Each structure stands twice: as structure tokens, then as C-alpha cells.
């Protein structure tokens, strides 16, 4: 039981580094196959969900559960998957909802700075830890000035790209 909880927590925390690697290194700092997909989100922040990642992530989880159940490696992956789910929820909230807590307000401010002022900085969406470690966090006084330069940015409204995922799920059920 303790091993399972530890592996799940390790997977959950590892998501923060994986998110930084995908968003920071693969989408912004180096030109990879992720770069053009992510550029669409910067052109239209309403395209907030990583739709293409859901089908393979879900399939991997289903296969792991079918073959390995709650084996430590599978539980680690479930932690990663829960981190991804948390990321999707938080990323949506940063764009479409008023902050509920001071921590969320800080995340939202950093993310808006990333979108509108420094696209090569503030690369961590759900944590600033890796930005501080890898030097992609502006100095505190610069970050404060960047936040102040934005003024009050209201949350977005209108549709997101979530309907694409719903359509995929519904069409999967119709086929099966």
C-alpha cells in the first residue's frame, strides 16, 4: 500500500517535469513536432486542451490496467495521468475562470505573462519550480513589472476545443 501511494505520488510530481519538458523544451525552446501544434494555442488561447494526447494516454492506461492492474509501474503511470488531468483543468481555469486562491492567481499571472509578454519564459503552467531551476523564470522584480504591465486581463469566454474531444468519445462509442 505504501509503495503504491509512493509510486502514485512520484508519478504525479513527475508530471510537473514532463509538462515543463513538453511545453518548454519541445514547444518553445526547440523546434519539434510539438511546436506547430502548440503555436495554435498561442494564436487562439481557446484551443486550451491537449486533445491529441487524450486518446493515447487513455489507451495506455487501459492496457496497463488490463495487464498489470496496480503494479508499481502502472501506478506511477496513473499518477502521471492524474497530473495530466490536473494540468488540463488548471490550464483551462487559467484562461477561462477567475482565480479562486492566491496560488492560482500567481499561476494565472505567470501564464498570461508567458502568452502576452515573454513566450520563452514562465514555461511551467502548473508550477514555477522548473522555471526557477532552469532559468526561465524572470527575476522577481521583472516578473512583478510584467504582471503590472498587463493590467487586469479578464478570463476568456466562449467555446473551447473541448467539443473535439467529446466528438471523438461519442464517435468511439458509436463504432464500438
N, C-alpha and C. Protein backbone atom coordinates (compact mmCIF):
# COMPACT_ATOMS: atom_id res chain seq x y z
N UNK A 1 0.83 -1.20 0.00
CA UNK A 1 0.00 0.00 0.00
C UNK A 1 0.87 1.26 0.00
N UNK A 2 1.87 1.29 0.88
CA UNK A 2 2.75 2.45 0.95
C UNK A 2 3.51 2.62 -0.36
N UNK A 3 3.96 1.50 -0.94
CA UNK A 3 4.65 1.56 -2.22
C UNK A 3 3.74 2.13 -3.30
N UNK A 4 2.49 1.69 -3.32
CA UNK A 4 1.54 2.20 -4.30
C UNK A 4 1.30 3.69 -4.17
N UNK A 5 1.11 4.14 -2.93
CA UNK A 5 0.90 5.58 -2.69
C UNK A 5 2.14 6.36 -3.11
N UNK A 6 3.30 5.83 -2.77
CA UNK A 6 4.55 6.49 -3.14
C UNK A 6 4.74 6.56 -4.65
N UNK A 7 4.43 5.46 -5.33
CA UNK A 7 4.58 5.45 -6.79
C UNK A 7 3.58 6.40 -7.46
N UNK A 8 2.36 6.45 -6.94
CA UNK A 8 1.37 7.37 -7.49
C UNK A 8 1.84 8.82 -7.28
N UNK A 9 2.30 9.14 -6.06
CA UNK A 9 2.78 10.50 -5.77
C UNK A 9 3.98 10.84 -6.64
N UNK A 10 4.89 9.88 -6.83
CA UNK A 10 6.05 10.11 -7.69
C UNK A 10 5.61 10.39 -9.12
N UNK A 11 4.62 9.65 -9.61
CA UNK A 11 4.10 9.90 -10.95
C UNK A 11 3.46 11.28 -11.05
N UNK A 12 2.68 11.62 -10.05
CA UNK A 12 2.00 12.92 -10.02
C UNK A 12 3.03 14.06 -10.05
N UNK A 13 4.04 13.96 -9.21
CA UNK A 13 5.07 15.01 -9.17
C UNK A 13 5.93 15.00 -10.43
N UNK A 14 6.16 13.82 -10.99
CA UNK A 14 6.95 13.74 -12.22
C UNK A 14 6.24 14.43 -13.38
N UNK A 15 4.91 14.49 -13.30
CA UNK A 15 4.18 15.18 -14.35
C UNK A 15 4.67 16.61 -14.51
N UNK A 16 5.01 17.28 -13.40
CA UNK A 16 5.42 18.69 -13.50
C UNK A 16 6.66 18.83 -14.37
N UNK A 17 7.61 17.89 -14.25
CA UNK A 17 8.80 17.94 -15.11
C UNK A 17 8.44 17.57 -16.55
N UNK A 18 7.60 16.58 -16.73
CA UNK A 18 7.17 16.20 -18.07
C UNK A 18 6.43 17.35 -18.75
N UNK A 19 5.56 18.01 -18.01
CA UNK A 19 4.84 19.17 -18.56
C UNK A 19 5.82 20.25 -18.98
N UNK A 20 6.82 20.54 -18.14
CA UNK A 20 7.83 21.54 -18.47
C UNK A 20 8.60 21.11 -19.72
N UNK A 21 8.96 19.83 -19.81
CA UNK A 21 9.71 19.34 -20.95
C UNK A 21 8.90 19.48 -22.25
N UNK A 22 7.63 19.11 -22.19
CA UNK A 22 6.78 19.19 -23.39
C UNK A 22 6.52 20.64 -23.76
N UNK A 23 6.05 21.43 -22.80
CA UNK A 23 5.68 22.81 -23.10
C UNK A 23 6.91 23.69 -23.30
N UNK A 24 7.90 23.53 -22.44
CA UNK A 24 9.07 24.39 -22.51
C UNK A 24 10.06 23.98 -23.58
N UNK A 25 10.66 22.83 -23.39
CA UNK A 25 11.71 22.40 -24.32
C UNK A 25 11.17 22.05 -25.69
N UNK A 26 10.09 21.27 -25.76
CA UNK A 26 9.61 20.77 -27.06
C UNK A 26 8.75 21.77 -27.82
N UNK A 27 7.99 22.60 -27.12
CA UNK A 27 7.09 23.53 -27.81
C UNK A 27 7.70 24.91 -28.03
N UNK A 28 8.58 25.34 -27.10
CA UNK A 28 9.09 26.71 -27.20
C UNK A 28 10.59 26.80 -27.46
N UNK A 29 11.40 26.11 -26.70
CA UNK A 29 12.84 26.33 -26.76
C UNK A 29 13.53 25.58 -27.90
N UNK A 30 12.93 24.52 -28.39
CA UNK A 30 13.49 23.75 -29.51
C UNK A 30 12.36 23.46 -30.48
N UNK A 31 12.64 23.54 -31.75
CA UNK A 31 11.62 23.25 -32.75
C UNK A 31 11.42 21.74 -32.89
N UNK A 32 10.28 21.25 -32.46
CA UNK A 32 9.96 19.83 -32.56
C UNK A 32 8.57 19.68 -33.16
N UNK A 33 8.09 18.46 -33.26
CA UNK A 33 6.73 18.23 -33.76
C UNK A 33 5.68 18.87 -32.86
N UNK A 34 6.01 19.19 -31.62
CA UNK A 34 5.07 19.82 -30.69
C UNK A 34 4.90 21.30 -31.01
N UNK A 35 5.94 21.93 -31.55
CA UNK A 35 5.94 23.38 -31.76
C UNK A 35 4.75 23.87 -32.59
N UNK A 36 4.49 23.33 -33.78
CA UNK A 36 3.35 23.86 -34.55
C UNK A 36 2.00 23.59 -33.89
N UNK A 37 1.86 22.44 -33.22
CA UNK A 37 0.59 22.17 -32.52
C UNK A 37 0.37 23.19 -31.41
N UNK A 38 1.44 23.48 -30.66
CA UNK A 38 1.30 24.41 -29.54
C UNK A 38 1.13 25.85 -30.02
N UNK A 39 1.71 26.17 -31.18
CA UNK A 39 1.57 27.52 -31.73
C UNK A 39 0.09 27.85 -31.94
N UNK A 40 -0.71 26.84 -32.26
CA UNK A 40 -2.14 27.05 -32.41
C UNK A 40 -2.78 27.57 -31.13
N UNK A 41 -2.31 27.10 -29.99
CA UNK A 41 -2.84 27.59 -28.71
C UNK A 41 -2.44 29.04 -28.48
N UNK A 42 -1.23 29.41 -28.89
CA UNK A 42 -0.82 30.81 -28.71
C UNK A 42 -1.58 31.73 -29.66
N UNK A 43 -1.93 31.24 -30.85
CA UNK A 43 -2.74 32.05 -31.76
C UNK A 43 -4.17 32.16 -31.26
N UNK A 44 -4.69 31.07 -30.69
CA UNK A 44 -6.05 31.05 -30.17
C UNK A 44 -6.07 30.35 -28.81
N UNK A 45 -5.97 31.12 -27.73
CA UNK A 45 -5.95 30.50 -26.40
C UNK A 45 -7.19 29.70 -26.05
N UNK A 46 -8.25 29.79 -26.86
CA UNK A 46 -9.43 28.96 -26.61
C UNK A 46 -9.16 27.50 -26.96
N UNK A 47 -8.12 27.25 -27.75
CA UNK A 47 -7.68 25.88 -28.03
C UNK A 47 -6.80 25.45 -26.85
N UNK A 48 -7.43 25.25 -25.73
CA UNK A 48 -6.73 25.10 -24.46
C UNK A 48 -6.44 23.65 -24.10
N UNK A 49 -7.17 22.71 -24.67
CA UNK A 49 -7.00 21.30 -24.30
C UNK A 49 -6.04 20.60 -25.25
N UNK A 50 -5.21 19.72 -24.69
CA UNK A 50 -4.27 18.92 -25.47
C UNK A 50 -5.02 17.70 -26.01
N UNK A 51 -5.92 17.96 -26.94
CA UNK A 51 -6.84 16.94 -27.44
C UNK A 51 -6.10 15.71 -27.96
N UNK A 52 -5.03 15.91 -28.72
CA UNK A 52 -4.31 14.79 -29.31
C UNK A 52 -3.66 13.86 -28.30
N UNK A 53 -3.45 14.32 -27.08
CA UNK A 53 -2.80 13.50 -26.07
C UNK A 53 -3.78 12.58 -25.33
N UNK A 54 -5.06 12.88 -25.39
CA UNK A 54 -6.03 12.08 -24.63
C UNK A 54 -6.19 10.65 -25.12
N UNK A 55 -6.38 10.42 -26.42
CA UNK A 55 -6.57 9.03 -26.86
C UNK A 55 -5.39 8.11 -26.51
N UNK A 56 -4.13 8.48 -26.83
CA UNK A 56 -3.07 7.55 -26.47
C UNK A 56 -2.87 7.41 -24.95
N UNK A 57 -3.06 8.49 -24.23
CA UNK A 57 -2.92 8.42 -22.76
C UNK A 57 -3.94 7.49 -22.15
N UNK A 58 -5.16 7.57 -22.63
CA UNK A 58 -6.23 6.72 -22.13
C UNK A 58 -6.00 5.27 -22.53
N UNK A 59 -5.56 5.07 -23.77
CA UNK A 59 -5.29 3.70 -24.24
C UNK A 59 -4.17 3.05 -23.43
N UNK A 60 -3.11 3.80 -23.17
CA UNK A 60 -2.00 3.27 -22.37
C UNK A 60 -2.49 2.90 -20.97
N UNK A 61 -3.28 3.77 -20.35
CA UNK A 61 -3.81 3.48 -19.01
C UNK A 61 -4.67 2.22 -19.03
N UNK A 62 -5.50 2.07 -20.05
CA UNK A 62 -6.37 0.89 -20.13
C UNK A 62 -5.56 -0.39 -20.29
N UNK A 63 -4.54 -0.34 -21.14
CA UNK A 63 -3.70 -1.52 -21.35
C UNK A 63 -2.92 -1.85 -20.08
N UNK A 64 -2.36 -0.83 -19.44
CA UNK A 64 -1.63 -1.08 -18.19
C UNK A 64 -2.54 -1.69 -17.13
N UNK A 65 -3.74 -1.15 -17.02
CA UNK A 65 -4.66 -1.68 -16.02
C UNK A 65 -5.06 -3.12 -16.35
N UNK A 66 -5.31 -3.39 -17.62
CA UNK A 66 -5.73 -4.73 -18.03
C UNK A 66 -4.63 -5.77 -17.77
N UNK A 67 -3.38 -5.40 -18.03
CA UNK A 67 -2.30 -6.36 -17.89
C UNK A 67 -1.61 -6.34 -16.53
N UNK A 68 -1.52 -5.16 -15.90
CA UNK A 68 -0.73 -5.05 -14.68
C UNK A 68 -1.50 -4.59 -13.45
N UNK A 69 -2.74 -4.14 -13.65
CA UNK A 69 -3.55 -3.71 -12.50
C UNK A 69 -2.88 -2.61 -11.72
N UNK A 70 -2.58 -2.90 -10.46
CA UNK A 70 -1.99 -1.89 -9.58
C UNK A 70 -0.52 -2.16 -9.31
N UNK A 71 0.19 -2.74 -10.28
CA UNK A 71 1.63 -2.93 -10.16
C UNK A 71 2.31 -1.55 -10.06
N UNK A 72 3.44 -1.47 -9.36
CA UNK A 72 4.07 -0.17 -9.13
C UNK A 72 4.30 0.68 -10.38
N UNK A 73 4.79 0.10 -11.47
CA UNK A 73 5.00 0.87 -12.69
C UNK A 73 3.71 1.43 -13.25
N UNK A 74 2.67 0.64 -13.19
CA UNK A 74 1.36 1.09 -13.68
C UNK A 74 0.83 2.21 -12.79
N UNK A 75 0.99 2.05 -11.49
CA UNK A 75 0.51 3.08 -10.56
C UNK A 75 1.26 4.39 -10.78
N UNK A 76 2.56 4.31 -11.08
CA UNK A 76 3.34 5.50 -11.42
C UNK A 76 2.71 6.19 -12.63
N UNK A 77 2.38 5.40 -13.66
CA UNK A 77 1.75 5.97 -14.85
C UNK A 77 0.40 6.60 -14.51
N UNK A 78 -0.39 5.96 -13.64
CA UNK A 78 -1.68 6.54 -13.24
C UNK A 78 -1.46 7.89 -12.56
N UNK A 79 -0.37 8.01 -11.79
CA UNK A 79 -0.02 9.31 -11.19
C UNK A 79 0.30 10.34 -12.26
N UNK A 80 1.08 9.93 -13.27
CA UNK A 80 1.36 10.84 -14.39
C UNK A 80 0.07 11.27 -15.07
N UNK A 81 -0.81 10.31 -15.31
CA UNK A 81 -2.08 10.60 -15.99
C UNK A 81 -2.93 11.56 -15.15
N UNK A 82 -2.96 11.36 -13.85
CA UNK A 82 -3.71 12.29 -12.98
C UNK A 82 -3.07 13.68 -13.00
N UNK A 83 -1.74 13.73 -13.10
CA UNK A 83 -1.07 15.02 -13.25
C UNK A 83 -1.49 15.71 -14.53
N UNK A 84 -1.59 14.94 -15.61
CA UNK A 84 -2.04 15.47 -16.89
C UNK A 84 -3.47 15.99 -16.79
N UNK A 85 -4.33 15.24 -16.13
CA UNK A 85 -5.72 15.67 -15.94
C UNK A 85 -5.76 16.97 -15.14
N UNK A 86 -4.97 17.02 -14.06
CA UNK A 86 -4.91 18.25 -13.25
C UNK A 86 -4.41 19.42 -14.10
N UNK A 87 -3.40 19.17 -14.92
CA UNK A 87 -2.88 20.20 -15.81
C UNK A 87 -3.98 20.73 -16.73
N UNK A 88 -4.75 19.82 -17.33
CA UNK A 88 -5.81 20.24 -18.25
C UNK A 88 -6.83 21.12 -17.53
N UNK A 89 -7.20 20.73 -16.32
CA UNK A 89 -8.18 21.50 -15.54
C UNK A 89 -7.61 22.86 -15.17
N UNK A 90 -6.38 22.86 -14.65
CA UNK A 90 -5.76 24.12 -14.22
C UNK A 90 -5.54 25.04 -15.43
N UNK A 91 -5.03 24.48 -16.53
CA UNK A 91 -4.79 25.30 -17.72
C UNK A 91 -6.09 25.92 -18.22
N UNK A 92 -7.16 25.14 -18.22
CA UNK A 92 -8.47 25.68 -18.59
C UNK A 92 -8.83 26.84 -17.66
N UNK A 93 -8.71 26.62 -16.36
CA UNK A 93 -9.08 27.65 -15.39
C UNK A 93 -8.24 28.91 -15.56
N UNK A 94 -6.94 28.76 -15.85
CA UNK A 94 -6.09 29.93 -16.00
C UNK A 94 -6.57 30.84 -17.14
N UNK A 95 -7.16 30.24 -18.15
CA UNK A 95 -7.65 31.03 -19.28
C UNK A 95 -9.10 31.47 -19.13
N UNK A 96 -9.95 30.64 -18.50
CA UNK A 96 -11.39 30.87 -18.56
C UNK A 96 -12.06 31.19 -17.24
N UNK A 97 -11.35 31.21 -16.12
CA UNK A 97 -12.02 31.41 -14.84
C UNK A 97 -11.24 32.41 -13.98
N UNK A 98 -11.97 33.07 -13.11
CA UNK A 98 -11.33 33.94 -12.13
C UNK A 98 -10.62 33.05 -11.10
N UNK A 99 -9.47 33.49 -10.66
CA UNK A 99 -8.69 32.72 -9.69
C UNK A 99 -9.45 32.57 -8.38
N UNK A 100 -9.37 31.37 -7.82
CA UNK A 100 -10.03 31.09 -6.54
C UNK A 100 -9.11 31.29 -5.34
N UNK A 101 -7.80 31.17 -5.57
CA UNK A 101 -6.83 31.27 -4.48
C UNK A 101 -5.68 32.17 -4.91
N UNK A 102 -4.90 32.66 -3.94
CA UNK A 102 -3.71 33.44 -4.31
C UNK A 102 -2.72 32.62 -5.15
N UNK A 103 -2.58 31.32 -4.86
CA UNK A 103 -1.68 30.48 -5.66
C UNK A 103 -2.16 30.42 -7.12
N UNK A 104 -3.46 30.21 -7.29
CA UNK A 104 -4.00 30.16 -8.65
C UNK A 104 -3.83 31.52 -9.33
N UNK A 105 -3.98 32.60 -8.59
CA UNK A 105 -3.79 33.94 -9.16
C UNK A 105 -2.35 34.10 -9.66
N UNK A 106 -1.40 33.60 -8.86
CA UNK A 106 0.00 33.67 -9.27
C UNK A 106 0.25 32.85 -10.53
N UNK A 107 -0.33 31.64 -10.59
CA UNK A 107 -0.19 30.81 -11.80
C UNK A 107 -0.79 31.52 -13.01
N UNK A 108 -1.98 32.11 -12.81
CA UNK A 108 -2.63 32.80 -13.93
C UNK A 108 -1.79 33.98 -14.40
N UNK A 109 -1.28 34.77 -13.46
CA UNK A 109 -0.45 35.92 -13.84
C UNK A 109 0.78 35.46 -14.62
N UNK A 110 1.46 34.40 -14.15
CA UNK A 110 2.64 33.89 -14.83
C UNK A 110 2.27 33.41 -16.24
N UNK A 111 1.13 32.73 -16.35
CA UNK A 111 0.75 32.17 -17.65
C UNK A 111 0.37 33.28 -18.63
N UNK A 112 -0.29 34.31 -18.15
CA UNK A 112 -0.64 35.44 -19.02
C UNK A 112 0.63 36.18 -19.43
N UNK A 113 1.60 36.32 -18.53
CA UNK A 113 2.89 36.90 -18.88
C UNK A 113 3.54 36.06 -19.99
N UNK A 114 3.47 34.75 -19.85
CA UNK A 114 4.02 33.85 -20.88
C UNK A 114 3.34 34.10 -22.23
N UNK A 115 2.03 34.19 -22.25
CA UNK A 115 1.29 34.36 -23.50
C UNK A 115 1.49 35.74 -24.12
N UNK A 116 1.48 36.78 -23.29
CA UNK A 116 1.42 38.14 -23.83
C UNK A 116 2.73 38.92 -23.79
N UNK A 117 3.69 38.48 -22.96
CA UNK A 117 4.92 39.27 -22.83
C UNK A 117 6.20 38.47 -23.07
N UNK A 118 6.32 37.30 -22.51
CA UNK A 118 7.57 36.53 -22.58
C UNK A 118 7.30 35.06 -22.93
N UNK A 119 7.08 34.75 -24.21
CA UNK A 119 6.74 33.37 -24.58
C UNK A 119 7.86 32.36 -24.32
N UNK A 120 9.09 32.81 -24.12
CA UNK A 120 10.18 31.88 -23.82
C UNK A 120 10.45 31.81 -22.31
N UNK A 121 9.59 32.41 -21.53
CA UNK A 121 9.72 32.42 -20.07
C UNK A 121 8.41 31.90 -19.47
N UNK A 122 8.43 31.63 -18.18
CA UNK A 122 7.24 31.15 -17.46
C UNK A 122 6.64 29.95 -18.19
N UNK A 123 7.47 28.95 -18.45
CA UNK A 123 7.06 27.80 -19.26
C UNK A 123 6.30 26.75 -18.46
N UNK A 124 6.47 26.72 -17.16
CA UNK A 124 5.69 25.81 -16.33
C UNK A 124 4.29 26.36 -16.14
N UNK A 125 3.30 25.56 -16.40
CA UNK A 125 1.91 26.03 -16.29
C UNK A 125 1.38 25.79 -14.88
N UNK A 126 1.62 24.61 -14.32
CA UNK A 126 1.05 24.31 -13.01
C UNK A 126 2.06 24.48 -11.88
N UNK A 127 3.29 24.87 -12.23
CA UNK A 127 4.31 25.12 -11.22
C UNK A 127 5.40 25.99 -11.81
N UNK A 128 5.95 26.85 -11.01
CA UNK A 128 7.10 27.65 -11.43
C UNK A 128 8.43 27.04 -11.02
N UNK A 129 8.39 25.88 -10.37
CA UNK A 129 9.60 25.25 -9.83
C UNK A 129 10.66 25.03 -10.92
N UNK A 130 10.27 24.40 -12.03
CA UNK A 130 11.24 24.08 -13.07
C UNK A 130 11.73 25.33 -13.78
N UNK A 131 10.89 26.36 -13.88
CA UNK A 131 11.34 27.64 -14.44
C UNK A 131 12.46 28.23 -13.59
N UNK A 132 12.28 28.19 -12.29
CA UNK A 132 13.33 28.72 -11.41
C UNK A 132 14.60 27.88 -11.54
N UNK A 133 14.45 26.57 -11.60
CA UNK A 133 15.60 25.67 -11.69
C UNK A 133 16.35 25.84 -13.01
N UNK A 134 15.63 25.97 -14.12
CA UNK A 134 16.25 26.02 -15.44
C UNK A 134 16.46 27.44 -15.97
N UNK A 135 16.15 28.46 -15.17
CA UNK A 135 16.43 29.83 -15.56
C UNK A 135 15.45 30.45 -16.53
N UNK A 136 14.22 29.94 -16.58
CA UNK A 136 13.21 30.52 -17.47
C UNK A 136 12.15 31.30 -16.68
N UNK A 137 12.47 31.63 -15.46
CA UNK A 137 11.61 32.47 -14.63
C UNK A 137 12.25 33.86 -14.59
N UNK A 138 11.51 34.91 -14.95
CA UNK A 138 12.09 36.25 -14.84
C UNK A 138 12.46 36.55 -13.38
N UNK A 139 13.41 37.42 -13.20
CA UNK A 139 13.76 37.86 -11.85
C UNK A 139 12.50 38.41 -11.18
N UNK A 140 12.40 38.28 -9.85
CA UNK A 140 11.17 38.72 -9.17
C UNK A 140 10.73 40.14 -9.51
N UNK A 141 11.67 41.09 -9.57
CA UNK A 141 11.28 42.47 -9.89
C UNK A 141 10.78 42.59 -11.33
N UNK A 142 11.40 41.84 -12.26
CA UNK A 142 10.93 41.86 -13.65
C UNK A 142 9.56 41.22 -13.78
N UNK A 143 9.34 40.09 -13.08
CA UNK A 143 8.04 39.43 -13.13
C UNK A 143 6.95 40.34 -12.58
N UNK A 144 7.25 41.05 -11.49
CA UNK A 144 6.28 42.00 -10.93
C UNK A 144 5.95 43.10 -11.93
N UNK A 145 6.98 43.62 -12.59
CA UNK A 145 6.76 44.68 -13.59
C UNK A 145 5.95 44.15 -14.78
N UNK A 146 6.25 42.92 -15.21
CA UNK A 146 5.50 42.33 -16.32
C UNK A 146 4.04 42.13 -15.92
N UNK A 147 3.81 41.64 -14.71
CA UNK A 147 2.42 41.47 -14.23
C UNK A 147 1.71 42.81 -14.22
N UNK A 148 2.38 43.84 -13.70
CA UNK A 148 1.77 45.16 -13.62
C UNK A 148 1.48 45.72 -15.02
N UNK A 149 2.35 45.43 -15.99
CA UNK A 149 2.16 45.96 -17.34
C UNK A 149 0.94 45.38 -18.03
N UNK A 150 0.46 44.25 -17.54
CA UNK A 150 -0.70 43.62 -18.16
C UNK A 150 -2.02 44.25 -17.75
N UNK A 151 -2.02 44.89 -16.59
CA UNK A 151 -3.28 45.39 -16.08
C UNK A 151 -4.18 44.23 -15.71
N UNK A 152 -5.48 44.45 -15.75
CA UNK A 152 -6.44 43.39 -15.42
C UNK A 152 -6.89 42.71 -16.70
N UNK A 153 -6.52 41.47 -16.86
CA UNK A 153 -6.93 40.68 -18.03
C UNK A 153 -8.10 39.80 -17.58
N UNK A 154 -9.22 40.01 -18.18
CA UNK A 154 -10.40 39.23 -17.81
C UNK A 154 -10.30 37.82 -18.39
N UNK A 155 -10.90 36.85 -17.70
CA UNK A 155 -10.91 35.48 -18.26
C UNK A 155 -11.61 35.45 -19.61
N UNK A 156 -11.19 34.52 -20.44
CA UNK A 156 -11.81 34.33 -21.75
C UNK A 156 -13.23 33.81 -21.60
N UNK A 157 -14.00 33.99 -22.63
CA UNK A 157 -15.34 33.40 -22.67
C UNK A 157 -15.50 32.76 -24.05
N UNK A 158 -16.57 32.04 -24.21
CA UNK A 158 -16.82 31.41 -25.49
C UNK A 158 -16.37 29.97 -25.50
N UNK A 159 -16.52 29.32 -26.65
CA UNK A 159 -16.24 27.88 -26.73
C UNK A 159 -14.73 27.59 -26.72
N UNK A 160 -14.40 26.38 -26.29
CA UNK A 160 -13.03 25.88 -26.34
C UNK A 160 -12.98 24.77 -27.38
N UNK A 161 -11.84 24.12 -27.48
CA UNK A 161 -11.72 22.98 -28.37
C UNK A 161 -12.14 21.68 -27.69
N UNK A 162 -12.78 21.77 -26.53
CA UNK A 162 -13.23 20.58 -25.79
C UNK A 162 -14.22 19.77 -26.62
N UNK A 163 -15.02 20.43 -27.44
CA UNK A 163 -16.02 19.72 -28.25
C UNK A 163 -15.36 18.68 -29.16
N UNK A 164 -14.09 18.90 -29.55
CA UNK A 164 -13.38 17.91 -30.38
C UNK A 164 -13.21 16.60 -29.61
N UNK A 165 -12.88 16.71 -28.32
CA UNK A 165 -12.70 15.51 -27.52
C UNK A 165 -14.04 14.82 -27.29
N UNK A 166 -15.08 15.58 -27.03
CA UNK A 166 -16.41 14.99 -26.83
C UNK A 166 -16.84 14.28 -28.11
N UNK A 167 -16.61 14.90 -29.25
CA UNK A 167 -16.97 14.26 -30.52
C UNK A 167 -16.21 12.95 -30.72
N UNK A 168 -14.93 12.95 -30.38
CA UNK A 168 -14.12 11.74 -30.50
C UNK A 168 -14.66 10.62 -29.60
N UNK A 169 -14.99 10.97 -28.36
CA UNK A 169 -15.52 9.97 -27.42
C UNK A 169 -16.85 9.42 -27.93
N UNK A 170 -17.74 10.31 -28.34
CA UNK A 170 -19.05 9.86 -28.83
C UNK A 170 -18.91 8.99 -30.08
N UNK A 171 -18.03 9.36 -30.98
CA UNK A 171 -17.86 8.55 -32.19
C UNK A 171 -17.23 7.21 -31.86
N UNK A 172 -16.39 7.15 -30.83
CA UNK A 172 -15.80 5.88 -30.40
C UNK A 172 -16.87 4.93 -29.87
N UNK A 173 -17.83 5.47 -29.13
CA UNK A 173 -18.93 4.65 -28.60
C UNK A 173 -19.83 4.15 -29.73
N UNK A 174 -20.06 4.98 -30.73
CA UNK A 174 -20.92 4.59 -31.85
C UNK A 174 -20.27 3.46 -32.64
N UNK A 175 -18.93 3.53 -32.78
CA UNK A 175 -18.20 2.47 -33.53
C UNK A 175 -18.19 1.17 -32.75
N UNK A 176 -18.04 1.27 -31.44
CA UNK A 176 -17.88 0.07 -30.60
C UNK A 176 -19.14 -0.54 -30.23
